[in-house]
Amino acid sequence: MSKFIIQVNSAAYGSASSYSAYRFAKAAIENGHAIEKVFFYQDGVLNTNHLNSPASDEFDLKQAWIELHQLHGVALVNCVSAALRRGVLSESEAKENQHSHWNMQLPFTMGGLGELVTGIETADRLVSF
Protein backbone atom coordinates (compact mmCIF):
# COMPACT_ATOMS: atom_id res chain seq x y z
CA MET A 1 0.00 0.00 0.00
CA SER A 2 1.31 3.45 -0.95
CA LYS A 3 0.47 6.85 0.49
CA PHE A 4 -0.13 9.55 -2.11
CA ILE A 5 -0.43 13.30 -2.15
CA ILE A 6 -2.18 14.62 -5.21
CA GLN A 7 -1.44 18.12 -6.46
CA VAL A 8 -4.13 19.62 -8.70
CA ASN A 9 -2.94 22.57 -10.79
CA SER A 10 -5.81 23.00 -13.27
CA ALA A 11 -9.30 24.44 -13.02
CA ALA A 12 -12.25 22.09 -12.74
CA TYR A 13 -13.45 22.81 -16.24
CA GLY A 14 -11.53 23.66 -19.40
CA SER A 15 -9.16 20.67 -19.37
CA ALA A 16 -9.30 17.07 -18.24
CA SER A 17 -6.48 17.40 -15.68
CA SER A 18 -8.61 17.92 -12.57
CA TYR A 19 -11.01 15.16 -13.54
CA SER A 20 -8.01 12.87 -14.16
CA ALA A 21 -6.70 13.73 -10.69
CA TYR A 22 -10.05 12.82 -9.16
CA ARG A 23 -10.23 9.53 -11.10
CA PHE A 24 -6.66 8.69 -10.04
CA ALA A 25 -7.51 9.35 -6.38
CA LYS A 26 -10.64 7.24 -6.56
CA ALA A 27 -8.84 4.37 -8.32
CA ALA A 28 -5.94 4.48 -5.85
CA ILE A 29 -8.32 4.20 -2.90
CA GLU A 30 -10.25 1.36 -4.58
CA ASN A 31 -6.93 -0.48 -4.99
CA GLY A 32 -6.03 -0.19 -1.30
CA HIS A 33 -3.80 2.87 -1.40
CA ALA A 34 -4.17 5.93 0.81
CA ILE A 35 -4.59 9.51 -0.34
CA GLU A 36 -3.07 11.66 2.39
CA LYS A 37 -4.36 14.90 0.89
CA VAL A 38 -5.28 16.66 -2.29
CA PHE A 39 -3.47 19.97 -2.58
CA PHE A 40 -5.10 22.47 -4.93
CA TYR A 41 -2.50 24.84 -6.37
CA GLN A 42 -2.41 27.49 -9.11
CA ASP A 43 -5.70 27.34 -11.08
CA GLY A 44 -6.51 24.10 -9.24
CA VAL A 45 -7.97 26.22 -6.43
CA LEU A 46 -10.89 26.98 -8.75
CA ASN A 47 -12.08 23.39 -8.14
CA THR A 48 -13.12 24.51 -4.66
CA ASN A 49 -15.29 27.48 -5.61
CA HIS A 50 -18.70 26.85 -4.07
CA LEU A 51 -20.27 28.92 -6.84
CA ASN A 52 -19.30 26.39 -9.53
CA SER A 53 -22.65 25.38 -11.01
CA PRO A 54 -22.30 22.83 -13.79
CA ALA A 55 -25.34 21.94 -15.85
CA SER A 56 -27.48 19.13 -14.45
CA ASP A 57 -26.24 16.73 -17.14
CA GLU A 58 -22.54 17.47 -16.44
CA PHE A 59 -20.24 15.86 -13.90
CA ASP A 60 -20.01 17.97 -10.73
CA LEU A 61 -16.31 17.75 -9.93
CA LYS A 62 -16.50 19.95 -6.82
CA GLN A 63 -19.14 17.66 -5.35
CA ALA A 64 -17.06 14.61 -6.31
CA TRP A 65 -14.10 15.99 -4.32
CA ILE A 66 -16.40 16.60 -1.35
CA GLU A 67 -17.73 13.03 -1.53
CA LEU A 68 -14.15 11.69 -1.68
CA HIS A 69 -13.51 13.51 1.59
CA GLN A 70 -16.77 12.33 3.17
CA LEU A 71 -16.30 8.68 2.21
CA HIS A 72 -12.55 8.34 2.72
CA GLY A 73 -11.43 11.22 4.92
CA VAL A 74 -9.16 12.71 2.26
CA ALA A 75 -7.97 16.19 3.27
CA LEU A 76 -8.77 18.82 0.62
CA VAL A 77 -6.35 21.75 0.97
CA ASN A 78 -6.20 24.96 -1.05
CA CYS A 79 -2.99 26.92 -1.39
CA VAL A 80 -4.09 30.08 0.39
CA SER A 81 -2.06 32.52 -1.71
CA ALA A 82 -3.14 30.94 -5.01
CA ALA A 83 -6.76 30.95 -3.83
CA LEU A 84 -6.75 34.58 -2.74
CA ARG A 85 -5.21 35.66 -6.05
CA ARG A 86 -8.04 33.91 -7.87
CA GLY A 87 -10.87 35.16 -5.69
CA VAL A 88 -11.49 31.95 -3.75
CA LEU A 89 -11.98 32.87 -0.10
CA SER A 90 -12.78 30.86 3.00
CA GLU A 91 -15.03 32.41 5.62
CA SER A 92 -12.05 33.38 7.79
CA GLU A 93 -10.09 34.81 4.83
CA ALA A 94 -13.12 36.85 3.80
CA LYS A 95 -13.43 38.31 7.30
CA GLU A 96 -9.69 38.99 7.51
CA ASN A 97 -9.82 40.85 4.18
CA GLN A 98 -13.04 42.71 5.05
CA HIS A 99 -15.21 40.93 2.48
CA SER A 100 -18.81 40.17 3.36
CA HIS A 101 -18.95 36.96 1.28
CA TRP A 102 -16.84 33.87 0.74
CA ASN A 103 -17.04 31.12 -1.83
CA MET A 104 -15.08 28.20 -0.44
CA GLN A 105 -17.05 25.73 1.63
CA LEU A 106 -16.06 23.02 4.03
CA PRO A 107 -14.57 20.42 3.82
CA PHE A 108 -12.06 22.38 1.71
CA THR A 109 -9.51 24.16 3.89
CA MET A 110 -6.77 26.72 3.34
CA GLY A 111 -3.12 25.90 3.83
CA GLY A 112 0.29 27.01 2.71
CA LEU A 113 3.01 25.43 0.63
CA GLY A 114 4.60 24.34 3.90
CA GLU A 115 1.69 21.96 4.38
CA LEU A 116 2.40 20.46 0.96
CA VAL A 117 6.11 20.06 1.75
CA THR A 118 5.37 18.47 5.13
CA GLY A 119 2.95 16.09 3.48
CA ILE A 120 5.49 15.13 0.83
CA GLU A 121 7.89 14.10 3.59
CA THR A 122 5.39 11.57 4.96
CA ALA A 123 3.92 10.33 1.67
CA ASP A 124 5.41 7.75 -0.67
CA ARG A 125 4.51 9.64 -3.83
CA LEU A 126 3.45 13.06 -5.04
CA VAL A 127 1.36 12.97 -8.21
CA SER A 128 0.67 16.25 -10.01
CA PHE A 129 -2.09 16.94 -12.50
C-alpha atoms as a PDB file:
ATOM      1  CA  MET A   1       0.000   0.000   0.000  1.00  0.00           C
ATOM      2  CA  SER A   2       1.311   3.447  -0.948  1.00  0.00           C
ATOM      3  CA  LYS A   3       0.473   6.851   0.491  1.00  0.00           C
ATOM      4  CA  PHE A   4      -0.132   9.551  -2.108  1.00  0.00           C
ATOM      5  CA  ILE A   5      -0.429  13.297  -2.149  1.00  0.00           C
ATOM      6  CA  ILE A   6      -2.182  14.623  -5.207  1.00  0.00           C
ATOM      7  CA  GLN A   7      -1.441  18.121  -6.456  1.00  0.00           C
ATOM      8  CA  VAL A   8      -4.132  19.617  -8.697  1.00  0.00           C
ATOM      9  CA  ASN A   9      -2.938  22.573 -10.794  1.00  0.00           C
ATOM     10  CA  SER A  10      -5.813  22.997 -13.269  1.00  0.00           C
ATOM     11  CA  ALA A  11      -9.297  24.439 -13.018  1.00  0.00           C
ATOM     12  CA  ALA A  12     -12.255  22.086 -12.736  1.00  0.00           C
ATOM     13  CA  TYR A  13     -13.446  22.812 -16.240  1.00  0.00           C
ATOM     14  CA  GLY A  14     -11.531  23.655 -19.398  1.00  0.00           C
ATOM     15  CA  SER A  15      -9.163  20.672 -19.366  1.00  0.00           C
ATOM     16  CA  ALA A  16      -9.299  17.072 -18.242  1.00  0.00           C
ATOM     17  CA  SER A  17      -6.481  17.398 -15.684  1.00  0.00           C
ATOM     18  CA  SER A  18      -8.608  17.921 -12.570  1.00  0.00           C
ATOM     19  CA  TYR A  19     -11.011  15.156 -13.544  1.00  0.00           C
ATOM     20  CA  SER A  20      -8.013  12.873 -14.160  1.00  0.00           C
ATOM     21  CA  ALA A  21      -6.701  13.732 -10.686  1.00  0.00           C
ATOM     22  CA  TYR A  22     -10.055  12.823  -9.161  1.00  0.00           C
ATOM     23  CA  ARG A  23     -10.228   9.534 -11.104  1.00  0.00           C
ATOM     24  CA  PHE A  24      -6.664   8.694 -10.036  1.00  0.00           C
ATOM     25  CA  ALA A  25      -7.507   9.354  -6.379  1.00  0.00           C
ATOM     26  CA  LYS A  26     -10.637   7.238  -6.564  1.00  0.00           C
ATOM     27  CA  ALA A  27      -8.841   4.366  -8.323  1.00  0.00           C
ATOM     28  CA  ALA A  28      -5.943   4.481  -5.855  1.00  0.00           C
ATOM     29  CA  ILE A  29      -8.319   4.198  -2.901  1.00  0.00           C
ATOM     30  CA  GLU A  30     -10.250   1.361  -4.581  1.00  0.00           C
ATOM     31  CA  ASN A  31      -6.934  -0.482  -4.990  1.00  0.00           C
ATOM     32  CA  GLY A  32      -6.027  -0.192  -1.305  1.00  0.00           C
ATOM     33  CA  HIS A  33      -3.795   2.870  -1.400  1.00  0.00           C
ATOM     34  CA  ALA A  34      -4.170   5.931   0.809  1.00  0.00           C
ATOM     35  CA  ILE A  35      -4.589   9.506  -0.339  1.00  0.00           C
ATOM     36  CA  GLU A  36      -3.066  11.661   2.387  1.00  0.00           C
ATOM     37  CA  LYS A  37      -4.361  14.896   0.887  1.00  0.00           C
ATOM     38  CA  VAL A  38      -5.284  16.657  -2.291  1.00  0.00           C
ATOM     39  CA  PHE A  39      -3.471  19.969  -2.577  1.00  0.00           C
ATOM     40  CA  PHE A  40      -5.097  22.468  -4.925  1.00  0.00           C
ATOM     41  CA  TYR A  41      -2.495  24.839  -6.369  1.00  0.00           C
ATOM     42  CA  GLN A  42      -2.414  27.486  -9.107  1.00  0.00           C
ATOM     43  CA  ASP A  43      -5.702  27.336 -11.083  1.00  0.00           C
ATOM     44  CA  GLY A  44      -6.511  24.105  -9.239  1.00  0.00           C
ATOM     45  CA  VAL A  45      -7.972  26.216  -6.429  1.00  0.00           C
ATOM     46  CA  LEU A  46     -10.888  26.982  -8.755  1.00  0.00           C
ATOM     47  CA  ASN A  47     -12.083  23.395  -8.136  1.00  0.00           C
ATOM     48  CA  THR A  48     -13.125  24.512  -4.656  1.00  0.00           C
ATOM     49  CA  ASN A  49     -15.287  27.478  -5.611  1.00  0.00           C
ATOM     50  CA  HIS A  50     -18.703  26.848  -4.071  1.00  0.00           C
ATOM     51  CA  LEU A  51     -20.266  28.924  -6.844  1.00  0.00           C
ATOM     52  CA  ASN A  52     -19.296  26.393  -9.532  1.00  0.00           C
ATOM     53  CA  SER A  53     -22.654  25.379 -11.009  1.00  0.00           C
ATOM     54  CA  PRO A  54     -22.297  22.827 -13.794  1.00  0.00           C
ATOM     55  CA  ALA A  55     -25.345  21.943 -15.851  1.00  0.00           C
ATOM     56  CA  SER A  56     -27.476  19.132 -14.453  1.00  0.00           C
ATOM     57  CA  ASP A  57     -26.235  16.732 -17.142  1.00  0.00           C
ATOM     58  CA  GLU A  58     -22.538  17.470 -16.439  1.00  0.00           C
ATOM     59  CA  PHE A  59     -20.242  15.856 -13.898  1.00  0.00           C
ATOM     60  CA  ASP A  60     -20.011  17.971 -10.733  1.00  0.00           C
ATOM     61  CA  LEU A  61     -16.315  17.754  -9.934  1.00  0.00           C
ATOM     62  CA  LYS A  62     -16.496  19.947  -6.815  1.00  0.00           C
ATOM     63  CA  GLN A  63     -19.141  17.663  -5.347  1.00  0.00           C
ATOM     64  CA  ALA A  64     -17.063  14.612  -6.310  1.00  0.00           C
ATOM     65  CA  TRP A  65     -14.103  15.988  -4.319  1.00  0.00           C
ATOM     66  CA  ILE A  66     -16.405  16.598  -1.353  1.00  0.00           C
ATOM     67  CA  GLU A  67     -17.728  13.029  -1.525  1.00  0.00           C
ATOM     68  CA  LEU A  68     -14.149  11.693  -1.684  1.00  0.00           C
ATOM     69  CA  HIS A  69     -13.511  13.509   1.595  1.00  0.00           C
ATOM     70  CA  GLN A  70     -16.768  12.332   3.169  1.00  0.00           C
ATOM     71  CA  LEU A  71     -16.302   8.678   2.207  1.00  0.00           C
ATOM     72  CA  HIS A  72     -12.548   8.336   2.720  1.00  0.00           C
ATOM     73  CA  GLY A  73     -11.430  11.223   4.917  1.00  0.00           C
ATOM     74  CA  VAL A  74      -9.159  12.715   2.263  1.00  0.00           C
ATOM     75  CA  ALA A  75      -7.970  16.192   3.268  1.00  0.00           C
ATOM     76  CA  LEU A  76      -8.770  18.820   0.619  1.00  0.00           C
ATOM     77  CA  VAL A  77      -6.350  21.747   0.966  1.00  0.00           C
ATOM     78  CA  ASN A  78      -6.199  24.965  -1.048  1.00  0.00           C
ATOM     79  CA  CYS A  79      -2.988  26.918  -1.387  1.00  0.00           C
ATOM     80  CA  VAL A  80      -4.093  30.080   0.387  1.00  0.00           C
ATOM     81  CA  SER A  81      -2.057  32.519  -1.710  1.00  0.00           C
ATOM     82  CA  ALA A  82      -3.138  30.936  -5.014  1.00  0.00           C
ATOM     83  CA  ALA A  83      -6.755  30.948  -3.834  1.00  0.00           C
ATOM     84  CA  LEU A  84      -6.753  34.577  -2.735  1.00  0.00           C
ATOM     85  CA  ARG A  85      -5.213  35.658  -6.047  1.00  0.00           C
ATOM     86  CA  ARG A  86      -8.040  33.906  -7.873  1.00  0.00           C
ATOM     87  CA  GLY A  87     -10.874  35.161  -5.694  1.00  0.00           C
ATOM     88  CA  VAL A  88     -11.491  31.947  -3.748  1.00  0.00           C
ATOM     89  CA  LEU A  89     -11.978  32.865  -0.096  1.00  0.00           C
ATOM     90  CA  SER A  90     -12.782  30.863   3.004  1.00  0.00           C
ATOM     91  CA  GLU A  91     -15.025  32.409   5.624  1.00  0.00           C
ATOM     92  CA  SER A  92     -12.050  33.382   7.787  1.00  0.00           C
ATOM     93  CA  GLU A  93     -10.089  34.809   4.828  1.00  0.00           C
ATOM     94  CA  ALA A  94     -13.123  36.850   3.801  1.00  0.00           C
ATOM     95  CA  LYS A  95     -13.429  38.313   7.297  1.00  0.00           C
ATOM     96  CA  GLU A  96      -9.694  38.986   7.509  1.00  0.00           C
ATOM     97  CA  ASN A  97      -9.815  40.853   4.176  1.00  0.00           C
ATOM     98  CA  GLN A  98     -13.041  42.714   5.049  1.00  0.00           C
ATOM     99  CA  HIS A  99     -15.208  40.927   2.483  1.00  0.00           C
ATOM    100  CA  SER A 100     -18.812  40.171   3.358  1.00  0.00           C
ATOM    101  CA  HIS A 101     -18.945  36.962   1.280  1.00  0.00           C
ATOM    102  CA  TRP A 102     -16.845  33.870   0.740  1.00  0.00           C
ATOM    103  CA  ASN A 103     -17.044  31.121  -1.828  1.00  0.00           C
ATOM    104  CA  MET A 104     -15.085  28.196  -0.444  1.00  0.00           C
ATOM    105  CA  GLN A 105     -17.046  25.729   1.626  1.00  0.00           C
ATOM    106  CA  LEU A 106     -16.059  23.021   4.033  1.00  0.00           C
ATOM    107  CA  PRO A 107     -14.573  20.420   3.815  1.00  0.00           C
ATOM    108  CA  PHE A 108     -12.057  22.381   1.705  1.00  0.00           C
ATOM    109  CA  THR A 109      -9.510  24.163   3.888  1.00  0.00           C
ATOM    110  CA  MET A 110      -6.774  26.720   3.336  1.00  0.00           C
ATOM    111  CA  GLY A 111      -3.115  25.899   3.827  1.00  0.00           C
ATOM    112  CA  GLY A 112       0.290  27.006   2.705  1.00  0.00           C
ATOM    113  CA  LEU A 113       3.011  25.429   0.628  1.00  0.00           C
ATOM    114  CA  GLY A 114       4.600  24.339   3.897  1.00  0.00           C
ATOM    115  CA  GLU A 115       1.695  21.960   4.380  1.00  0.00           C
ATOM    116  CA  LEU A 116       2.401  20.457   0.955  1.00  0.00           C
ATOM    117  CA  VAL A 117       6.107  20.056   1.754  1.00  0.00           C
ATOM    118  CA  THR A 118       5.367  18.467   5.133  1.00  0.00           C
ATOM    119  CA  GLY A 119       2.954  16.087   3.476  1.00  0.00           C
ATOM    120  CA  ILE A 120       5.492  15.133   0.825  1.00  0.00           C
ATOM    121  CA  GLU A 121       7.892  14.104   3.589  1.00  0.00           C
ATOM    122  CA  THR A 122       5.391  11.568   4.957  1.00  0.00           C
ATOM    123  CA  ALA A 123       3.919  10.329   1.667  1.00  0.00           C
ATOM    124  CA  ASP A 124       5.413   7.749  -0.671  1.00  0.00           C
ATOM    125  CA  ARG A 125       4.507   9.639  -3.827  1.00  0.00           C
ATOM    126  CA  LEU A 126       3.451  13.064  -5.040  1.00  0.00           C
ATOM    127  CA  VAL A 127       1.361  12.971  -8.210  1.00  0.00           C
ATOM    128  CA  SER A 128       0.674  16.252 -10.013  1.00  0.00           C
ATOM    129  CA  PHE A 129      -2.088  16.936 -12.500  1.00  0.00           C
END
